[in-house]
């Protein structure tokens, strides 16, 4: 009822973060009878969520730094610097997203450094080659992050669809929040919402596990 009422009174994007299959089916039924307009479903059946696509590179680096802290790393500065260089070089080859990050990370640091030099990214090349454990730690964290999102995306996903890119579509988007790691999921949504805080939209939380994250609640309160 909240979603239907919001749809009838405001022409804005609505994001539903939920692990409730009945709610998903109810929304599909409402979309089919034209009550809520276009509905996009992101779930384990429709793994079309393009994680990190169109996210600011600094926020991506911040995210991995937070993940590193969650995983017990004491100093994340080297990881943060490595990721910044890695993303700058990646964007010369492909759109930055989780799928392209996974693919590009299969190259060795020496191979990535060569790409950096060929594209004039000298400082990035120096960071890559001087980083001791940065690359190894980043690749390990990258797999951890993918596992947290594997109910929403695939390693090859390139739909360019997520909260950031959907903000101007004025659609209802259902996002299945079932995950092996709610903490990483909620941290990511926190940063996505942070990037679009200057836009008009509505978020419906139907998963109490996400709301255990005080950082996410802090962004919602802004």
N, C-alpha and C. Protein backbone atom coordinates (compact mmCIF):
# COMPACT_ATOMS: atom_id res chain seq x y z
N UNK A 1 0.83 -1.20 0.00
CA UNK A 1 0.00 0.00 0.00
C UNK A 1 0.87 1.26 0.00
N UNK A 2 1.97 1.22 0.75
CA UNK A 2 2.87 2.38 0.79
C UNK A 2 3.42 2.68 -0.60
N UNK A 3 3.85 1.63 -1.29
CA UNK A 3 4.43 1.79 -2.62
C UNK A 3 3.37 2.29 -3.60
N UNK A 4 2.19 1.72 -3.55
CA UNK A 4 1.11 2.13 -4.44
C UNK A 4 0.73 3.58 -4.20
N UNK A 5 0.62 3.97 -2.93
CA UNK A 5 0.25 5.35 -2.60
C UNK A 5 1.33 6.33 -3.05
N UNK A 6 2.59 5.94 -2.83
CA UNK A 6 3.70 6.80 -3.24
C UNK A 6 3.73 6.96 -4.75
N UNK A 7 3.42 5.89 -5.46
CA UNK A 7 3.43 5.92 -6.92
C UNK A 7 2.32 6.82 -7.47
N UNK A 8 1.21 6.84 -6.77
CA UNK A 8 0.05 7.62 -7.23
C UNK A 8 0.21 9.10 -6.93
N UNK A 9 1.01 9.43 -5.93
CA UNK A 9 1.14 10.84 -5.53
C UNK A 9 2.43 11.50 -6.01
N UNK A 10 3.46 10.70 -6.34
CA UNK A 10 4.75 11.27 -6.76
C UNK A 10 5.29 10.55 -7.99
N UNK A 11 5.71 11.34 -8.96
CA UNK A 11 6.31 10.76 -10.17
C UNK A 11 7.82 10.74 -9.99
N UNK A 12 8.30 9.77 -9.21
CA UNK A 12 9.73 9.66 -8.94
C UNK A 12 10.12 8.20 -8.84
N UNK A 13 11.41 7.95 -8.92
CA UNK A 13 11.90 6.58 -8.81
C UNK A 13 11.69 6.06 -7.40
N UNK A 14 11.29 4.80 -7.31
CA UNK A 14 11.09 4.15 -6.02
C UNK A 14 11.95 2.88 -6.00
N UNK A 15 12.77 2.75 -4.96
CA UNK A 15 13.63 1.58 -4.81
C UNK A 15 13.15 0.76 -3.62
N UNK A 16 12.86 -0.50 -3.87
CA UNK A 16 12.37 -1.39 -2.83
C UNK A 16 13.47 -2.39 -2.51
N UNK A 17 14.04 -2.30 -1.32
CA UNK A 17 15.10 -3.21 -0.88
C UNK A 17 14.45 -4.26 0.01
N UNK A 18 14.37 -5.48 -0.48
CA UNK A 18 13.59 -6.49 0.21
C UNK A 18 14.07 -7.90 -0.13
N UNK A 19 13.83 -8.84 0.79
CA UNK A 19 14.05 -10.25 0.50
C UNK A 19 12.74 -11.03 0.61
N UNK A 20 11.63 -10.30 0.43
CA UNK A 20 10.29 -10.85 0.56
C UNK A 20 9.75 -11.23 -0.82
N UNK A 21 9.70 -12.52 -1.12
CA UNK A 21 9.24 -12.97 -2.43
C UNK A 21 7.77 -12.63 -2.68
N UNK A 22 6.96 -12.62 -1.62
CA UNK A 22 5.55 -12.28 -1.80
C UNK A 22 5.40 -10.83 -2.22
N UNK A 23 6.18 -9.96 -1.62
CA UNK A 23 6.15 -8.55 -2.01
C UNK A 23 6.55 -8.41 -3.47
N UNK A 24 7.57 -9.14 -3.87
CA UNK A 24 7.99 -9.09 -5.28
C UNK A 24 6.86 -9.50 -6.21
N UNK A 25 6.17 -10.60 -5.88
CA UNK A 25 5.07 -11.07 -6.72
C UNK A 25 3.91 -10.09 -6.72
N UNK A 26 3.66 -9.45 -5.57
CA UNK A 26 2.59 -8.44 -5.50
C UNK A 26 2.91 -7.25 -6.40
N UNK A 27 4.19 -6.84 -6.40
CA UNK A 27 4.60 -5.72 -7.25
C UNK A 27 4.48 -6.08 -8.73
N UNK A 28 4.83 -7.30 -9.07
CA UNK A 28 4.71 -7.76 -10.46
C UNK A 28 3.24 -7.71 -10.89
N UNK A 29 2.35 -8.15 -9.99
CA UNK A 29 0.92 -8.11 -10.30
C UNK A 29 0.43 -6.67 -10.48
N UNK A 30 0.89 -5.76 -9.63
CA UNK A 30 0.51 -4.35 -9.75
C UNK A 30 1.02 -3.74 -11.05
N UNK A 31 2.24 -4.14 -11.44
CA UNK A 31 2.80 -3.63 -12.69
C UNK A 31 2.03 -4.16 -13.90
N UNK A 32 1.61 -5.40 -13.81
CA UNK A 32 0.88 -6.01 -14.92
C UNK A 32 -0.49 -5.38 -15.13
N UNK A 33 -1.12 -4.90 -14.04
CA UNK A 33 -2.42 -4.26 -14.22
C UNK A 33 -2.30 -2.74 -14.37
N UNK A 34 -1.06 -2.25 -14.46
CA UNK A 34 -0.83 -0.84 -14.74
C UNK A 34 -0.91 0.09 -13.55
N UNK A 35 -0.90 -0.45 -12.34
CA UNK A 35 -1.10 0.38 -11.15
C UNK A 35 0.15 1.16 -10.74
N UNK A 36 1.32 0.64 -11.04
CA UNK A 36 2.54 1.30 -10.58
C UNK A 36 3.50 1.65 -11.73
N UNK A 37 3.06 1.50 -12.94
CA UNK A 37 3.93 1.80 -14.06
C UNK A 37 4.98 0.72 -14.27
N UNK A 38 6.13 1.11 -14.80
CA UNK A 38 7.17 0.13 -15.11
C UNK A 38 7.85 -0.38 -13.85
N UNK A 39 8.02 -1.69 -13.79
CA UNK A 39 8.70 -2.33 -12.67
C UNK A 39 9.95 -3.05 -13.18
N UNK A 40 11.06 -2.86 -12.49
CA UNK A 40 12.29 -3.59 -12.80
C UNK A 40 12.64 -4.45 -11.60
N UNK A 41 12.87 -5.72 -11.84
CA UNK A 41 13.17 -6.67 -10.77
C UNK A 41 14.62 -7.12 -10.87
N UNK A 42 15.34 -6.97 -9.78
CA UNK A 42 16.73 -7.43 -9.69
C UNK A 42 16.75 -8.51 -8.60
N UNK A 43 17.03 -9.74 -9.00
CA UNK A 43 16.95 -10.84 -8.04
C UNK A 43 17.82 -12.00 -8.50
N UNK A 44 17.72 -13.12 -7.78
CA UNK A 44 18.50 -14.29 -8.17
C UNK A 44 17.99 -14.89 -9.48
N UNK A 45 16.75 -14.55 -9.89
CA UNK A 45 16.23 -14.99 -11.18
C UNK A 45 16.61 -14.02 -12.29
N UNK A 46 16.72 -12.75 -11.94
CA UNK A 46 17.06 -11.71 -12.91
C UNK A 46 18.31 -10.99 -12.42
N UNK A 47 19.46 -11.58 -12.67
CA UNK A 47 20.72 -11.05 -12.14
C UNK A 47 21.23 -9.93 -13.04
N UNK A 48 20.53 -8.81 -12.98
CA UNK A 48 20.81 -7.70 -13.88
C UNK A 48 21.32 -6.46 -13.18
N UNK A 49 21.77 -6.60 -11.94
CA UNK A 49 22.23 -5.44 -11.17
C UNK A 49 23.71 -5.21 -11.43
N UNK A 50 24.04 -4.07 -12.06
CA UNK A 50 25.41 -3.77 -12.47
C UNK A 50 26.12 -3.01 -11.34
N UNK A 51 26.71 -3.75 -10.44
CA UNK A 51 27.35 -3.19 -9.24
C UNK A 51 28.52 -2.27 -9.62
N UNK A 52 28.58 -1.10 -8.99
CA UNK A 52 29.61 -0.07 -9.16
C UNK A 52 29.49 0.73 -10.45
N UNK A 53 28.63 0.35 -11.36
CA UNK A 53 28.51 1.10 -12.62
C UNK A 53 28.07 2.52 -12.32
N UNK A 54 28.80 3.50 -12.88
CA UNK A 54 28.53 4.92 -12.70
C UNK A 54 28.76 5.43 -11.28
N UNK A 55 29.37 4.61 -10.44
CA UNK A 55 29.71 5.09 -9.10
C UNK A 55 31.03 5.84 -9.16
N UNK A 56 31.11 6.93 -8.43
CA UNK A 56 32.34 7.71 -8.35
C UNK A 56 33.50 6.82 -7.90
N UNK A 57 34.63 6.92 -8.57
CA UNK A 57 35.78 6.06 -8.28
C UNK A 57 36.27 6.22 -6.84
N UNK A 58 36.19 7.43 -6.32
CA UNK A 58 36.60 7.64 -4.93
C UNK A 58 35.70 6.89 -3.96
N UNK A 59 34.39 6.82 -4.29
CA UNK A 59 33.47 6.07 -3.44
C UNK A 59 33.75 4.57 -3.52
N UNK A 60 34.12 4.10 -4.71
CA UNK A 60 34.47 2.67 -4.85
C UNK A 60 35.69 2.35 -4.00
N UNK A 61 36.71 3.21 -4.07
CA UNK A 61 37.91 2.99 -3.26
C UNK A 61 37.57 3.06 -1.77
N UNK A 62 36.69 4.00 -1.41
CA UNK A 62 36.26 4.10 -0.01
C UNK A 62 35.55 2.82 0.42
N UNK A 63 34.71 2.30 -0.48
CA UNK A 63 33.96 1.08 -0.16
C UNK A 63 34.92 -0.07 0.16
N UNK A 64 35.91 -0.26 -0.70
CA UNK A 64 36.83 -1.37 -0.47
C UNK A 64 37.68 -1.15 0.78
N UNK A 65 37.96 0.09 1.09
CA UNK A 65 38.69 0.39 2.33
C UNK A 65 37.85 -0.01 3.54
N UNK A 66 36.55 0.29 3.48
CA UNK A 66 35.65 -0.08 4.58
C UNK A 66 35.54 -1.60 4.68
N UNK A 67 35.43 -2.25 3.51
CA UNK A 67 35.37 -3.72 3.50
C UNK A 67 36.64 -4.31 4.12
N UNK A 68 37.79 -3.71 3.79
CA UNK A 68 39.06 -4.18 4.34
C UNK A 68 39.06 -4.07 5.87
N UNK A 69 38.55 -2.95 6.38
CA UNK A 69 38.47 -2.78 7.83
C UNK A 69 37.53 -3.81 8.44
N UNK A 70 36.42 -4.09 7.75
CA UNK A 70 35.47 -5.08 8.24
C UNK A 70 36.12 -6.47 8.30
N UNK A 71 37.08 -6.69 7.41
CA UNK A 71 37.74 -7.99 7.33
C UNK A 71 39.00 -8.06 8.20
N UNK A 72 39.24 -7.02 8.98
CA UNK A 72 40.32 -7.07 9.94
C UNK A 72 41.62 -6.42 9.53
N UNK A 73 41.66 -5.75 8.37
CA UNK A 73 42.88 -5.04 7.97
C UNK A 73 43.04 -3.81 8.84
N UNK A 74 44.24 -3.57 9.33
CA UNK A 74 44.47 -2.40 10.20
C UNK A 74 44.80 -1.15 9.40
N UNK A 75 45.56 -1.31 8.33
CA UNK A 75 45.96 -0.17 7.51
C UNK A 75 45.43 -0.38 6.10
N UNK A 76 44.52 0.49 5.65
CA UNK A 76 43.92 0.33 4.33
C UNK A 76 44.44 1.34 3.31
N UNK A 77 45.41 2.16 3.70
CA UNK A 77 45.89 3.22 2.81
C UNK A 77 46.49 2.66 1.53
N UNK A 78 47.24 1.56 1.64
CA UNK A 78 47.86 0.98 0.45
C UNK A 78 46.81 0.40 -0.48
N UNK A 79 45.80 -0.25 0.09
CA UNK A 79 44.72 -0.79 -0.72
C UNK A 79 43.97 0.34 -1.42
N UNK A 80 43.69 1.42 -0.68
CA UNK A 80 42.96 2.55 -1.24
C UNK A 80 43.73 3.17 -2.40
N UNK A 81 45.03 3.38 -2.24
CA UNK A 81 45.85 3.96 -3.30
C UNK A 81 45.91 3.03 -4.51
N UNK A 82 46.05 1.73 -4.24
CA UNK A 82 46.13 0.76 -5.34
C UNK A 82 44.83 0.78 -6.15
N UNK A 83 43.70 0.78 -5.46
CA UNK A 83 42.41 0.75 -6.16
C UNK A 83 42.22 2.01 -6.99
N UNK A 84 42.61 3.16 -6.46
CA UNK A 84 42.51 4.40 -7.22
C UNK A 84 43.27 4.32 -8.53
N UNK A 85 44.49 3.80 -8.47
CA UNK A 85 45.30 3.64 -9.68
C UNK A 85 44.69 2.60 -10.61
N UNK A 86 44.27 1.49 -10.05
CA UNK A 86 43.66 0.40 -10.82
C UNK A 86 42.44 0.89 -11.59
N UNK A 87 41.57 1.65 -10.94
CA UNK A 87 40.34 2.14 -11.59
C UNK A 87 40.65 3.16 -12.67
N UNK A 88 41.62 4.02 -12.43
CA UNK A 88 42.00 5.00 -13.46
C UNK A 88 42.49 4.32 -14.73
N UNK A 89 43.25 3.26 -14.56
CA UNK A 89 43.75 2.52 -15.72
C UNK A 89 42.64 1.72 -16.39
N UNK A 90 41.78 1.11 -15.56
CA UNK A 90 40.67 0.32 -16.10
C UNK A 90 39.77 1.16 -16.99
N UNK A 91 39.52 2.42 -16.59
CA UNK A 91 38.58 3.24 -17.36
C UNK A 91 39.10 3.58 -18.76
N UNK A 92 40.38 3.33 -19.03
CA UNK A 92 40.90 3.51 -20.39
C UNK A 92 40.54 2.31 -21.27
N UNK A 93 40.10 1.22 -20.63
CA UNK A 93 39.82 -0.01 -21.37
C UNK A 93 38.33 -0.37 -21.40
N UNK A 94 37.59 0.01 -20.34
CA UNK A 94 36.20 -0.40 -20.22
C UNK A 94 35.47 0.49 -19.22
N UNK A 95 34.14 0.39 -19.21
CA UNK A 95 33.34 1.07 -18.20
C UNK A 95 33.63 0.45 -16.84
N UNK A 96 33.87 1.28 -15.84
CA UNK A 96 34.17 0.76 -14.51
C UNK A 96 32.90 0.17 -13.89
N UNK A 97 32.97 -1.09 -13.52
CA UNK A 97 31.87 -1.81 -12.87
C UNK A 97 32.47 -3.06 -12.25
N UNK A 98 31.71 -3.75 -11.42
CA UNK A 98 32.23 -4.95 -10.79
C UNK A 98 32.68 -5.98 -11.81
N UNK A 99 31.91 -6.15 -12.89
CA UNK A 99 32.25 -7.14 -13.91
C UNK A 99 33.59 -6.81 -14.57
N UNK A 100 33.79 -5.55 -14.94
CA UNK A 100 35.05 -5.17 -15.60
C UNK A 100 36.21 -5.21 -14.62
N UNK A 101 35.94 -4.90 -13.36
CA UNK A 101 36.98 -4.98 -12.34
C UNK A 101 37.44 -6.43 -12.15
N UNK A 102 36.50 -7.34 -12.12
CA UNK A 102 36.83 -8.77 -11.99
C UNK A 102 37.66 -9.24 -13.18
N UNK A 103 37.24 -8.84 -14.37
CA UNK A 103 37.95 -9.26 -15.57
C UNK A 103 39.35 -8.66 -15.65
N UNK A 104 39.45 -7.35 -15.36
CA UNK A 104 40.73 -6.65 -15.46
C UNK A 104 41.71 -7.13 -14.39
N UNK A 105 41.20 -7.55 -13.25
CA UNK A 105 42.06 -8.00 -12.15
C UNK A 105 42.77 -9.31 -12.46
N UNK A 106 42.33 -9.99 -13.53
CA UNK A 106 42.98 -11.25 -13.92
C UNK A 106 44.34 -10.98 -14.57
N UNK A 107 44.57 -9.72 -14.98
CA UNK A 107 45.89 -9.33 -15.47
C UNK A 107 46.85 -9.18 -14.28
N UNK A 108 48.10 -9.42 -14.53
CA UNK A 108 49.10 -9.19 -13.48
C UNK A 108 49.33 -7.69 -13.34
N UNK A 109 49.91 -7.28 -12.22
CA UNK A 109 50.20 -5.86 -12.03
C UNK A 109 51.18 -5.36 -13.07
N UNK A 110 52.09 -6.20 -13.51
CA UNK A 110 53.05 -5.81 -14.54
C UNK A 110 52.32 -5.51 -15.85
N UNK A 111 51.34 -6.34 -16.19
CA UNK A 111 50.56 -6.13 -17.42
C UNK A 111 49.73 -4.86 -17.31
N UNK A 112 49.12 -4.62 -16.15
CA UNK A 112 48.31 -3.42 -15.94
C UNK A 112 49.20 -2.18 -15.97
N UNK A 113 50.39 -2.28 -15.40
CA UNK A 113 51.34 -1.16 -15.41
C UNK A 113 51.75 -0.80 -16.83
N UNK A 114 51.90 -1.80 -17.68
CA UNK A 114 52.25 -1.55 -19.08
C UNK A 114 51.13 -0.80 -19.79
N UNK A 115 49.88 -1.18 -19.49
CA UNK A 115 48.73 -0.47 -20.05
C UNK A 115 48.73 0.98 -19.57
N UNK A 116 49.10 1.17 -18.30
CA UNK A 116 49.16 2.52 -17.73
C UNK A 116 50.16 3.39 -18.49
N UNK A 117 51.35 2.86 -18.71
CA UNK A 117 52.39 3.62 -19.41
C UNK A 117 51.95 3.94 -20.83
N UNK A 118 51.34 2.96 -21.50
CA UNK A 118 50.89 3.17 -22.88
C UNK A 118 49.82 4.26 -22.99
N UNK A 119 49.11 4.50 -21.86
CA UNK A 119 48.05 5.51 -21.87
C UNK A 119 48.46 6.79 -21.13
N UNK A 120 49.74 6.88 -20.75
CA UNK A 120 50.24 8.09 -20.12
C UNK A 120 49.95 8.22 -18.64
N UNK A 121 49.60 7.12 -17.99
CA UNK A 121 49.28 7.14 -16.56
C UNK A 121 50.53 6.76 -15.77
N UNK A 122 51.47 7.68 -15.70
CA UNK A 122 52.77 7.40 -15.08
C UNK A 122 52.65 7.22 -13.57
N UNK A 123 51.94 8.13 -12.91
CA UNK A 123 51.82 8.03 -11.45
C UNK A 123 51.08 6.77 -11.04
N UNK A 124 50.07 6.38 -11.81
CA UNK A 124 49.34 5.14 -11.53
C UNK A 124 50.25 3.94 -11.70
N UNK A 125 51.11 3.97 -12.73
CA UNK A 125 52.06 2.88 -12.94
C UNK A 125 53.00 2.76 -11.76
N UNK A 126 53.43 3.89 -11.24
CA UNK A 126 54.35 3.88 -10.10
C UNK A 126 53.68 3.30 -8.85
N UNK A 127 52.41 3.65 -8.65
CA UNK A 127 51.68 3.12 -7.50
C UNK A 127 51.54 1.60 -7.61
N UNK A 128 51.19 1.13 -8.80
CA UNK A 128 51.02 -0.31 -8.99
C UNK A 128 52.32 -1.06 -8.72
N UNK A 129 53.41 -0.55 -9.24
CA UNK A 129 54.68 -1.28 -9.14
C UNK A 129 55.31 -1.14 -7.76
N UNK A 130 54.91 -0.10 -7.00
CA UNK A 130 55.49 0.06 -5.66
C UNK A 130 54.62 -0.58 -4.58
N UNK A 131 53.41 -0.97 -4.98
CA UNK A 131 52.48 -1.57 -4.02
C UNK A 131 52.89 -3.00 -3.71
N UNK A 132 53.14 -3.26 -2.46
CA UNK A 132 53.54 -4.60 -2.06
C UNK A 132 52.38 -5.57 -2.06
N UNK A 133 51.49 -5.41 -1.05
CA UNK A 133 50.36 -6.32 -0.93
C UNK A 133 49.06 -5.73 -1.46
N UNK A 134 49.11 -4.48 -1.91
CA UNK A 134 47.88 -3.81 -2.33
C UNK A 134 47.09 -4.59 -3.36
N UNK A 135 47.77 -5.05 -4.40
CA UNK A 135 47.10 -5.79 -5.46
C UNK A 135 46.56 -7.13 -5.00
N UNK A 136 47.35 -7.84 -4.22
CA UNK A 136 46.92 -9.15 -3.70
C UNK A 136 45.71 -9.00 -2.79
N UNK A 137 45.78 -8.02 -1.88
CA UNK A 137 44.67 -7.79 -0.96
C UNK A 137 43.42 -7.34 -1.71
N UNK A 138 43.57 -6.48 -2.70
CA UNK A 138 42.43 -6.01 -3.47
C UNK A 138 41.74 -7.16 -4.20
N UNK A 139 42.50 -8.03 -4.82
CA UNK A 139 41.91 -9.17 -5.54
C UNK A 139 41.17 -10.10 -4.59
N UNK A 140 41.71 -10.26 -3.40
CA UNK A 140 41.04 -11.09 -2.40
C UNK A 140 39.72 -10.45 -1.99
N UNK A 141 39.73 -9.15 -1.75
CA UNK A 141 38.52 -8.43 -1.35
C UNK A 141 37.50 -8.39 -2.49
N UNK A 142 37.99 -8.32 -3.71
CA UNK A 142 37.11 -8.28 -4.88
C UNK A 142 36.26 -9.54 -4.95
N UNK A 143 36.85 -10.68 -4.67
CA UNK A 143 36.10 -11.94 -4.67
C UNK A 143 35.11 -11.99 -3.51
N UNK A 144 35.50 -11.44 -2.37
CA UNK A 144 34.58 -11.38 -1.22
C UNK A 144 33.36 -10.54 -1.57
N UNK A 145 33.59 -9.41 -2.22
CA UNK A 145 32.50 -8.52 -2.60
C UNK A 145 31.59 -9.20 -3.63
N UNK A 146 32.18 -9.85 -4.61
CA UNK A 146 31.35 -10.53 -5.61
C UNK A 146 30.46 -11.58 -4.96
N UNK A 147 31.00 -12.33 -4.03
CA UNK A 147 30.22 -13.36 -3.35
C UNK A 147 29.03 -12.76 -2.60
N UNK A 148 29.20 -11.54 -2.08
CA UNK A 148 28.12 -10.88 -1.36
C UNK A 148 26.99 -10.46 -2.31
N UNK A 149 27.33 -10.24 -3.59
CA UNK A 149 26.35 -9.75 -4.56
C UNK A 149 25.90 -10.81 -5.56
N UNK A 150 26.33 -12.06 -5.39
CA UNK A 150 26.08 -13.07 -6.42
C UNK A 150 24.60 -13.41 -6.59
N UNK A 151 23.74 -12.98 -5.67
CA UNK A 151 22.30 -13.17 -5.87
C UNK A 151 21.68 -12.05 -6.71
N UNK A 152 22.47 -11.04 -7.04
CA UNK A 152 21.97 -9.91 -7.81
C UNK A 152 22.66 -9.74 -9.16
N UNK A 153 23.84 -10.32 -9.30
CA UNK A 153 24.63 -10.04 -10.49
C UNK A 153 25.41 -11.27 -10.92
N UNK A 154 26.07 -11.17 -12.07
CA UNK A 154 26.97 -12.22 -12.54
C UNK A 154 28.32 -11.59 -12.83
N UNK A 155 29.32 -12.41 -13.02
CA UNK A 155 30.66 -11.87 -13.31
C UNK A 155 30.69 -11.11 -14.63
N UNK A 156 29.74 -11.41 -15.53
CA UNK A 156 29.74 -10.77 -16.85
C UNK A 156 28.69 -9.68 -16.99
N UNK A 157 27.96 -9.36 -15.92
CA UNK A 157 26.85 -8.41 -16.02
C UNK A 157 27.31 -7.07 -16.57
N UNK A 158 26.60 -6.58 -17.60
CA UNK A 158 26.96 -5.29 -18.20
C UNK A 158 25.69 -4.51 -18.59
N UNK A 159 24.68 -4.58 -17.74
CA UNK A 159 23.41 -3.92 -18.03
C UNK A 159 23.44 -2.42 -17.82
N UNK A 160 24.45 -1.95 -17.06
CA UNK A 160 24.54 -0.54 -16.68
C UNK A 160 23.30 -0.11 -15.86
N UNK A 161 22.72 -1.06 -15.13
CA UNK A 161 21.55 -0.75 -14.32
C UNK A 161 21.82 -0.95 -12.84
N UNK A 162 21.60 0.11 -12.06
CA UNK A 162 21.63 0.04 -10.61
C UNK A 162 20.89 1.27 -10.07
N UNK A 163 20.96 1.51 -8.79
CA UNK A 163 20.23 2.65 -8.22
C UNK A 163 20.69 3.97 -8.84
N UNK A 164 22.00 4.12 -9.05
CA UNK A 164 22.53 5.37 -9.59
C UNK A 164 22.02 5.64 -10.99
N UNK A 165 22.01 4.61 -11.83
CA UNK A 165 21.58 4.80 -13.23
C UNK A 165 20.07 4.81 -13.37
N UNK A 166 19.36 4.26 -12.37
CA UNK A 166 17.89 4.19 -12.46
C UNK A 166 17.21 5.41 -11.87
N UNK A 167 17.97 6.30 -11.25
CA UNK A 167 17.38 7.41 -10.51
C UNK A 167 16.51 8.31 -11.39
N UNK A 168 16.82 8.42 -12.67
CA UNK A 168 16.06 9.31 -13.55
C UNK A 168 15.02 8.58 -14.40
N UNK A 169 14.80 7.29 -14.13
CA UNK A 169 13.85 6.52 -14.94
C UNK A 169 12.43 6.62 -14.45
N UNK A 170 12.26 7.05 -13.18
CA UNK A 170 10.93 7.13 -12.56
C UNK A 170 10.22 5.78 -12.55
N UNK A 171 10.99 4.71 -12.43
CA UNK A 171 10.44 3.36 -12.35
C UNK A 171 10.41 2.89 -10.90
N UNK A 172 9.70 1.80 -10.67
CA UNK A 172 9.78 1.09 -9.41
C UNK A 172 10.80 -0.03 -9.59
N UNK A 173 11.78 -0.09 -8.72
CA UNK A 173 12.82 -1.12 -8.82
C UNK A 173 12.81 -1.97 -7.56
N UNK A 174 12.60 -3.26 -7.75
CA UNK A 174 12.66 -4.21 -6.62
C UNK A 174 14.05 -4.83 -6.61
N UNK A 175 14.75 -4.74 -5.49
CA UNK A 175 16.09 -5.27 -5.36
C UNK A 175 16.11 -6.32 -4.26
N UNK A 176 16.39 -7.55 -4.64
CA UNK A 176 16.45 -8.64 -3.67
C UNK A 176 17.71 -8.50 -2.83
N UNK A 177 17.53 -8.35 -1.53
CA UNK A 177 18.67 -8.09 -0.64
C UNK A 177 19.20 -9.35 0.04
N UNK A 178 18.71 -10.51 -0.37
CA UNK A 178 19.22 -11.75 0.22
C UNK A 178 20.70 -11.89 -0.11
N UNK A 179 21.53 -12.05 0.89
CA UNK A 179 22.98 -12.07 0.67
C UNK A 179 23.67 -12.89 1.73
N UNK A 180 24.84 -13.40 1.37
CA UNK A 180 25.66 -14.12 2.35
C UNK A 180 26.37 -13.15 3.29
N UNK A 181 26.34 -11.85 2.92
CA UNK A 181 27.02 -10.84 3.73
C UNK A 181 26.23 -9.53 3.69
N UNK A 182 25.28 -9.38 4.61
CA UNK A 182 24.43 -8.19 4.64
C UNK A 182 25.25 -6.93 4.89
N UNK A 183 26.32 -7.04 5.66
CA UNK A 183 27.11 -5.86 5.98
C UNK A 183 27.69 -5.23 4.73
N UNK A 184 28.24 -6.06 3.84
CA UNK A 184 28.82 -5.52 2.60
C UNK A 184 27.74 -4.96 1.69
N UNK A 185 26.58 -5.61 1.68
CA UNK A 185 25.47 -5.13 0.86
C UNK A 185 24.99 -3.77 1.35
N UNK A 186 24.80 -3.63 2.64
CA UNK A 186 24.28 -2.37 3.18
C UNK A 186 25.29 -1.24 3.04
N UNK A 187 26.57 -1.56 3.17
CA UNK A 187 27.61 -0.54 2.96
C UNK A 187 27.57 -0.01 1.53
N UNK A 188 27.36 -0.91 0.59
CA UNK A 188 27.29 -0.51 -0.82
C UNK A 188 26.08 0.38 -1.07
N UNK A 189 24.91 -0.03 -0.58
CA UNK A 189 23.71 0.78 -0.78
C UNK A 189 23.86 2.14 -0.10
N UNK A 190 24.56 2.17 1.02
CA UNK A 190 24.83 3.43 1.70
C UNK A 190 25.54 4.40 0.76
N UNK A 191 26.58 3.92 0.06
CA UNK A 191 27.36 4.79 -0.82
C UNK A 191 26.58 5.14 -2.09
N UNK A 192 25.80 4.20 -2.58
CA UNK A 192 24.96 4.52 -3.75
C UNK A 192 23.98 5.64 -3.42
N UNK A 193 23.31 5.51 -2.29
CA UNK A 193 22.35 6.54 -1.90
C UNK A 193 23.05 7.87 -1.63
N UNK A 194 24.26 7.80 -1.09
CA UNK A 194 25.04 9.01 -0.82
C UNK A 194 25.32 9.76 -2.12
N UNK A 195 25.56 9.04 -3.21
CA UNK A 195 25.90 9.68 -4.47
C UNK A 195 24.69 10.39 -5.11
N UNK A 196 23.48 9.94 -4.80
CA UNK A 196 22.30 10.52 -5.45
C UNK A 196 21.44 11.35 -4.50
N UNK A 197 22.03 11.78 -3.37
CA UNK A 197 21.25 12.50 -2.37
C UNK A 197 20.68 13.83 -2.87
N UNK A 198 21.18 14.33 -3.98
CA UNK A 198 20.66 15.59 -4.52
C UNK A 198 19.47 15.36 -5.44
N UNK A 199 19.04 14.11 -5.59
CA UNK A 199 17.92 13.75 -6.45
C UNK A 199 16.67 13.48 -5.62
N UNK A 200 15.52 13.44 -6.30
CA UNK A 200 14.26 13.10 -5.66
C UNK A 200 13.96 11.62 -5.89
N UNK A 201 13.78 10.86 -4.82
CA UNK A 201 13.47 9.44 -4.95
C UNK A 201 12.91 8.94 -3.62
N UNK A 202 12.40 7.72 -3.64
CA UNK A 202 11.89 7.10 -2.42
C UNK A 202 12.54 5.73 -2.28
N UNK A 203 12.85 5.36 -1.03
CA UNK A 203 13.41 4.04 -0.74
C UNK A 203 12.50 3.35 0.27
N UNK A 204 12.13 2.12 -0.04
CA UNK A 204 11.32 1.31 0.87
C UNK A 204 12.19 0.16 1.36
N UNK A 205 12.42 0.10 2.67
CA UNK A 205 13.20 -0.98 3.26
C UNK A 205 12.26 -2.04 3.81
N UNK A 206 12.40 -3.25 3.30
CA UNK A 206 11.58 -4.36 3.79
C UNK A 206 12.50 -5.51 4.21
N UNK A 207 13.64 -5.15 4.76
CA UNK A 207 14.61 -6.14 5.21
C UNK A 207 15.33 -5.56 6.43
N UNK A 208 14.97 -6.02 7.59
CA UNK A 208 15.52 -5.46 8.82
C UNK A 208 17.02 -5.68 8.94
N UNK A 209 17.54 -6.70 8.27
CA UNK A 209 18.98 -6.97 8.36
C UNK A 209 19.80 -5.81 7.81
N UNK A 210 19.30 -5.14 6.77
CA UNK A 210 20.01 -3.99 6.22
C UNK A 210 20.05 -2.84 7.21
N UNK A 211 18.99 -2.71 7.99
CA UNK A 211 18.88 -1.57 8.90
C UNK A 211 19.69 -1.74 10.17
N UNK A 212 20.41 -2.85 10.28
CA UNK A 212 21.32 -3.02 11.41
C UNK A 212 22.60 -2.21 11.23
N UNK A 213 22.78 -1.66 10.02
CA UNK A 213 23.98 -0.89 9.71
C UNK A 213 23.76 0.58 10.07
N UNK A 214 24.43 1.05 11.09
CA UNK A 214 24.25 2.44 11.54
C UNK A 214 24.71 3.44 10.49
N UNK A 215 25.73 3.05 9.67
CA UNK A 215 26.21 3.96 8.63
C UNK A 215 25.13 4.20 7.59
N UNK A 216 24.42 3.15 7.21
CA UNK A 216 23.32 3.29 6.25
C UNK A 216 22.22 4.15 6.83
N UNK A 217 21.88 3.94 8.08
CA UNK A 217 20.85 4.75 8.73
C UNK A 217 21.25 6.22 8.77
N UNK A 218 22.55 6.48 8.94
CA UNK A 218 23.04 7.85 8.96
C UNK A 218 22.82 8.55 7.65
N UNK A 219 23.02 7.83 6.54
CA UNK A 219 22.80 8.41 5.22
C UNK A 219 21.32 8.68 5.01
N UNK A 220 20.47 7.75 5.45
CA UNK A 220 19.02 7.91 5.29
C UNK A 220 18.53 9.14 6.05
N UNK A 221 19.15 9.43 7.17
CA UNK A 221 18.72 10.56 8.00
C UNK A 221 19.12 11.90 7.43
N UNK A 222 20.04 11.90 6.46
CA UNK A 222 20.51 13.18 5.92
C UNK A 222 19.38 13.92 5.21
